[in-house]
PDB file of N, CA and C in Angstrom:
ATOM      1  N   MET A   1    -108.488 -37.498 -48.371  1.00  0.00           N
ATOM      2  CA  MET A   1    -108.146 -37.602 -46.968  1.00  0.00           C
ATOM      3  C   MET A   1    -106.635 -37.747 -46.867  1.00  0.00           C
ATOM      4  N   GLY A   2    -106.050 -37.120 -45.882  1.00  0.00           N
ATOM      5  CA  GLY A   2    -104.612 -37.158 -45.709  1.00  0.00           C
ATOM      6  C   GLY A   2    -104.104 -38.503 -45.231  1.00  0.00           C
ATOM      7  N   ARG A   3    -102.822 -38.695 -45.406  1.00  0.00           N
ATOM      8  CA  ARG A   3    -102.200 -39.964 -45.017  1.00  0.00           C
ATOM      9  C   ARG A   3    -102.307 -40.209 -43.516  1.00  0.00           C
ATOM     10  N   GLN A   4    -102.107 -39.173 -42.716  1.00  0.00           N
ATOM     11  CA  GLN A   4    -102.178 -39.339 -41.266  1.00  0.00           C
ATOM     12  C   GLN A   4    -103.590 -39.681 -40.814  1.00  0.00           C
ATOM     13  N   ALA A   5    -104.587 -39.085 -41.434  1.00  0.00           N
ATOM     14  CA  ALA A   5    -105.973 -39.395 -41.087  1.00  0.00           C
ATOM     15  C   ALA A   5    -106.318 -40.832 -41.459  1.00  0.00           C
ATOM     16  N   THR A   6    -105.817 -41.285 -42.586  1.00  0.00           N
ATOM     17  CA  THR A   6    -106.068 -42.666 -43.006  1.00  0.00           C
ATOM     18  C   THR A   6    -105.443 -43.652 -42.021  1.00  0.00           C
ATOM     19  N   ILE A   7    -104.233 -43.381 -41.611  1.00  0.00           N
ATOM     20  CA  ILE A   7    -103.553 -44.262 -40.657  1.00  0.00           C
ATOM     21  C   ILE A   7    -104.259 -44.229 -39.310  1.00  0.00           C
ATOM     22  N   ALA A   8    -104.722 -43.049 -38.896  1.00  0.00           N
ATOM     23  CA  ALA A   8    -105.447 -42.934 -37.626  1.00  0.00           C
ATOM     24  C   ALA A   8    -106.737 -43.749 -37.665  1.00  0.00           C
ATOM     25  N   LEU A   9    -107.469 -43.681 -38.764  1.00  0.00           N
ATOM     26  CA  LEU A   9    -108.687 -44.482 -38.903  1.00  0.00           C
ATOM     27  C   LEU A   9    -108.378 -45.975 -38.932  1.00  0.00           C
ATOM     28  N   TYR A  10    -107.276 -46.338 -39.552  1.00  0.00           N
ATOM     29  CA  TYR A  10    -106.856 -47.739 -39.617  1.00  0.00           C
ATOM     30  C   TYR A  10    -106.551 -48.271 -38.218  1.00  0.00           C
ATOM     31  N   VAL A  11    -105.808 -47.491 -37.438  1.00  0.00           N
ATOM     32  CA  VAL A  11    -105.467 -47.898 -36.070  1.00  0.00           C
ATOM     33  C   VAL A  11    -106.725 -47.935 -35.212  1.00  0.00           C
ATOM     34  N   LEU A  12    -107.625 -46.977 -35.378  1.00  0.00           N
ATOM     35  CA  LEU A  12    -108.883 -46.974 -34.633  1.00  0.00           C
ATOM     36  C   LEU A  12    -109.707 -48.215 -34.950  1.00  0.00           C
ATOM     37  N   ALA A  13    -109.762 -48.600 -36.209  1.00  0.00           N
ATOM     38  CA  ALA A  13    -110.488 -49.815 -36.596  1.00  0.00           C
ATOM     39  C   ALA A  13    -109.862 -51.043 -35.948  1.00  0.00           C
ATOM     40  N   MET A  14    -108.535 -51.100 -35.896  1.00  0.00           N
ATOM     41  CA  MET A  14    -107.861 -52.228 -35.262  1.00  0.00           C
ATOM     42  C   MET A  14    -108.204 -52.297 -33.773  1.00  0.00           C
ATOM     43  N   VAL A  15    -108.177 -51.162 -33.101  1.00  0.00           N
ATOM     44  CA  VAL A  15    -108.485 -51.130 -31.668  1.00  0.00           C
ATOM     45  C   VAL A  15    -109.924 -51.569 -31.420  1.00  0.00           C
ATOM     46  N   ILE A  16    -110.846 -51.098 -32.241  1.00  0.00           N
ATOM     47  CA  ILE A  16    -112.254 -51.477 -32.076  1.00  0.00           C
ATOM     48  C   ILE A  16    -112.437 -52.975 -32.263  1.00  0.00           C
ATOM     49  N   ILE A  17    -111.778 -53.554 -33.244  1.00  0.00           N
ATOM     50  CA  ILE A  17    -111.901 -54.993 -33.487  1.00  0.00           C
ATOM     51  C   ILE A  17    -111.290 -55.791 -32.339  1.00  0.00           C
ATOM     52  N   VAL A  18    -110.128 -55.377 -31.839  1.00  0.00           N
ATOM     53  CA  VAL A  18    -109.489 -56.084 -30.724  1.00  0.00           C
ATOM     54  C   VAL A  18    -110.392 -56.053 -29.491  1.00  0.00           C
ATOM     55  N   VAL A  19    -110.933 -54.906 -29.164  1.00  0.00           N
ATOM     56  CA  VAL A  19    -111.808 -54.792 -27.991  1.00  0.00           C
ATOM     57  C   VAL A  19    -113.081 -55.600 -28.176  1.00  0.00           C
ATOM     58  N   ALA A  20    -113.671 -55.558 -29.365  1.00  0.00           N
ATOM     59  CA  ALA A  20    -114.895 -56.316 -29.618  1.00  0.00           C
ATOM     60  C   ALA A  20    -114.657 -57.819 -29.503  1.00  0.00           C
ATOM     61  N   VAL A  21    -113.557 -58.303 -30.054  1.00  0.00           N
ATOM     62  CA  VAL A  21    -113.245 -59.729 -29.953  1.00  0.00           C
ATOM     63  C   VAL A  21    -113.000 -60.120 -28.502  1.00  0.00           C
ATOM     64  N   ASP A  22    -112.296 -59.271 -27.761  1.00  0.00           N
ATOM     65  CA  ASP A  22    -112.059 -59.549 -26.344  1.00  0.00           C
ATOM     66  C   ASP A  22    -113.367 -59.678 -25.579  1.00  0.00           C
ATOM     67  N   ILE A  23    -114.261 -58.737 -25.782  1.00  0.00           N
ATOM     68  CA  ILE A  23    -115.513 -58.724 -25.022  1.00  0.00           C
ATOM     69  C   ILE A  23    -116.447 -59.846 -25.457  1.00  0.00           C
ATOM     70  N   LEU A  24    -116.553 -60.080 -26.761  1.00  0.00           N
ATOM     71  CA  LEU A  24    -117.530 -61.049 -27.254  1.00  0.00           C
ATOM     72  C   LEU A  24    -117.101 -62.499 -27.092  1.00  0.00           C
ATOM     73  N   PHE A  25    -115.799 -62.797 -27.249  1.00  0.00           N
ATOM     74  CA  PHE A  25    -115.405 -64.197 -27.314  1.00  0.00           C
ATOM     75  C   PHE A  25    -114.477 -64.662 -26.195  1.00  0.00           C
ATOM     76  N   PHE A  26    -113.560 -63.832 -25.740  1.00  0.00           N
ATOM     77  CA  PHE A  26    -112.499 -64.309 -24.854  1.00  0.00           C
ATOM     78  C   PHE A  26    -112.479 -63.591 -23.514  1.00  0.00           C
ATOM     79  N   ARG A  27    -113.610 -63.332 -22.933  1.00  0.00           N
ATOM     80  CA  ARG A  27    -113.681 -62.552 -21.709  1.00  0.00           C
ATOM     81  C   ARG A  27    -112.883 -63.188 -20.566  1.00  0.00           C
ATOM     82  N   ASP A  28    -112.980 -64.480 -20.360  1.00  0.00           N
ATOM     83  CA  ASP A  28    -112.349 -65.131 -19.210  1.00  0.00           C
ATOM     84  C   ASP A  28    -111.197 -66.053 -19.585  1.00  0.00           C
ATOM     85  N   HIS A  29    -110.674 -65.913 -20.777  1.00  0.00           N
ATOM     86  CA  HIS A  29    -109.610 -66.802 -21.238  1.00  0.00           C
ATOM     87  C   HIS A  29    -108.387 -65.963 -21.612  1.00  0.00           C
ATOM     88  N   PHE A  30    -107.482 -65.786 -20.654  1.00  0.00           N
ATOM     89  CA  PHE A  30    -106.361 -64.875 -20.839  1.00  0.00           C
ATOM     90  C   PHE A  30    -105.466 -65.259 -22.004  1.00  0.00           C
ATOM     91  N   TRP A  31    -105.017 -66.515 -22.072  1.00  0.00           N
ATOM     92  CA  TRP A  31    -104.046 -66.912 -23.093  1.00  0.00           C
ATOM     93  C   TRP A  31    -104.663 -66.918 -24.485  1.00  0.00           C
ATOM     94  N   ALA A  32    -105.901 -67.373 -24.588  1.00  0.00           N
ATOM     95  CA  ALA A  32    -106.579 -67.339 -25.892  1.00  0.00           C
ATOM     96  C   ALA A  32    -106.795 -65.898 -26.337  1.00  0.00           C
ATOM     97  N   ARG A  33    -107.115 -65.042 -25.403  1.00  0.00           N
ATOM     98  CA  ARG A  33    -107.310 -63.615 -25.697  1.00  0.00           C
ATOM     99  C   ARG A  33    -106.018 -62.972 -26.169  1.00  0.00           C
ATOM    100  N   LEU A  34    -104.919 -63.295 -25.488  1.00  0.00           N
ATOM    101  CA  LEU A  34    -103.619 -62.757 -25.870  1.00  0.00           C
ATOM    102  C   LEU A  34    -103.225 -63.220 -27.265  1.00  0.00           C
ATOM    103  N   MET A  35    -103.408 -64.498 -27.551  1.00  0.00           N
ATOM    104  CA  MET A  35    -103.068 -65.020 -28.879  1.00  0.00           C
ATOM    105  C   MET A  35    -103.941 -64.402 -29.964  1.00  0.00           C
ATOM    106  N   ALA A  36    -105.237 -64.233 -29.686  1.00  0.00           N
ATOM    107  CA  ALA A  36    -106.129 -63.619 -30.666  1.00  0.00           C
ATOM    108  C   ALA A  36    -105.730 -62.169 -30.919  1.00  0.00           C
ATOM    109  N   ASN A  37    -105.386 -61.438 -29.871  1.00  0.00           N
ATOM    110  CA  ASN A  37    -104.980 -60.038 -30.029  1.00  0.00           C
ATOM    111  C   ASN A  37    -103.694 -59.928 -30.844  1.00  0.00           C
ATOM    112  N   VAL A  38    -102.731 -60.783 -30.567  1.00  0.00           N
ATOM    113  CA  VAL A  38    -101.484 -60.776 -31.330  1.00  0.00           C
ATOM    114  C   VAL A  38    -101.764 -61.121 -32.795  1.00  0.00           C
ATOM    115  N   GLY A  39    -102.629 -62.096 -33.024  1.00  0.00           N
ATOM    116  CA  GLY A  39    -102.985 -62.460 -34.392  1.00  0.00           C
ATOM    117  C   GLY A  39    -103.664 -61.335 -35.140  1.00  0.00           C
ATOM    118  N   ILE A  40    -104.571 -60.633 -34.471  1.00  0.00           N
ATOM    119  CA  ILE A  40    -105.265 -59.507 -35.106  1.00  0.00           C
ATOM    120  C   ILE A  40    -104.276 -58.408 -35.462  1.00  0.00           C
ATOM    121  N   VAL A  41    -103.370 -58.092 -34.546  1.00  0.00           N
ATOM    122  CA  VAL A  41    -102.381 -57.047 -34.814  1.00  0.00           C
ATOM    123  C   VAL A  41    -101.461 -57.458 -35.957  1.00  0.00           C
ATOM    124  N   LEU A  42    -101.058 -58.729 -36.017  1.00  0.00           N
ATOM    125  CA  LEU A  42    -100.216 -59.201 -37.115  1.00  0.00           C
ATOM    126  C   LEU A  42    -100.937 -59.116 -38.457  1.00  0.00           C
ATOM    127  N   ILE A  43    -102.211 -59.461 -38.478  1.00  0.00           N
ATOM    128  CA  ILE A  43    -102.990 -59.378 -39.716  1.00  0.00           C
ATOM    129  C   ILE A  43    -103.127 -57.927 -40.164  1.00  0.00           C
ATOM    130  N   PHE A  44    -103.425 -57.032 -39.215  1.00  0.00           N
ATOM    131  CA  PHE A  44    -103.514 -55.622 -39.577  1.00  0.00           C
ATOM    132  C   PHE A  44    -102.164 -55.095 -40.053  1.00  0.00           C
ATOM    133  N   GLY A  45    -101.091 -55.539 -39.420  1.00  0.00           N
ATOM    134  CA  GLY A  45     -99.754 -55.120 -39.851  1.00  0.00           C
ATOM    135  C   GLY A  45     -99.433 -55.598 -41.251  1.00  0.00           C
ATOM    136  N   ALA A  46     -99.808 -56.834 -41.567  1.00  0.00           N
ATOM    137  CA  ALA A  46     -99.565 -57.367 -42.908  1.00  0.00           C
ATOM    138  C   ALA A  46    -100.359 -56.594 -43.954  1.00  0.00           C
ATOM    139  N   PHE A  47    -101.622 -56.287 -43.655  1.00  0.00           N
ATOM    140  CA  PHE A  47    -102.423 -55.499 -44.592  1.00  0.00           C
ATOM    141  C   PHE A  47    -101.862 -54.096 -44.755  1.00  0.00           C
ATOM    142  N   TYR A  48    -101.375 -53.509 -43.664  1.00  0.00           N
ATOM    143  CA  TYR A  48    -100.787 -52.178 -43.757  1.00  0.00           C
ATOM    144  C   TYR A  48     -99.568 -52.198 -44.672  1.00  0.00           C
ATOM    145  N   LEU A  49     -98.690 -53.168 -44.458  1.00  0.00           N
ATOM    146  CA  LEU A  49     -97.488 -53.246 -45.277  1.00  0.00           C
ATOM    147  C   LEU A  49     -97.811 -53.532 -46.743  1.00  0.00           C
ATOM    148  N   ARG A  50     -98.868 -54.285 -46.989  1.00  0.00           N
ATOM    149  CA  ARG A  50     -99.224 -54.646 -48.366  1.00  0.00           C
ATOM    150  C   ARG A  50     -99.923 -53.511 -49.103  1.00  0.00           C
ATOM    151  N   PHE A  51    -100.858 -52.821 -48.429  1.00  0.00           N
ATOM    152  CA  PHE A  51    -101.732 -51.892 -49.137  1.00  0.00           C
ATOM    153  C   PHE A  51    -101.478 -50.416 -48.819  1.00  0.00           C
ATOM    154  N   PHE A  52    -100.980 -50.090 -47.626  1.00  0.00           N
ATOM    155  CA  PHE A  52    -100.869 -48.690 -47.246  1.00  0.00           C
ATOM    156  C   PHE A  52     -99.443 -48.157 -47.272  1.00  0.00           C
ATOM    157  N   ASN A  53     -98.469 -49.003 -47.266  1.00  0.00           N
ATOM    158  CA  ASN A  53     -97.080 -48.561 -47.202  1.00  0.00           C
ATOM    159  C   ASN A  53     -96.612 -48.154 -48.601  1.00  0.00           C
ATOM    160  N   ARG A  54     -96.767 -46.901 -48.936  1.00  0.00           N
ATOM    161  CA  ARG A  54     -96.417 -46.395 -50.271  1.00  0.00           C
ATOM    162  C   ARG A  54     -95.208 -45.469 -50.185  1.00  0.00           C
ATOM    163  N   SER A  55     -94.122 -45.970 -49.642  1.00  0.00           N
ATOM    164  CA  SER A  55     -92.915 -45.148 -49.493  1.00  0.00           C
ATOM    165  C   SER A  55     -92.139 -45.054 -50.773  1.00  0.00           C
TER     166      SER A  55
END
């Protein structure tokens, strides 16, 4: 699989997880939802830099 396809699947997985967490746990809690979303994106970013960034 190409590098662009791998990154696209990675971003799609991140979006699916963010939406699922929003709907399942933080529907009516804006600040908790925002913090959870930022945390999820930071974790995905750290994993990307650790495992996928092969420059």
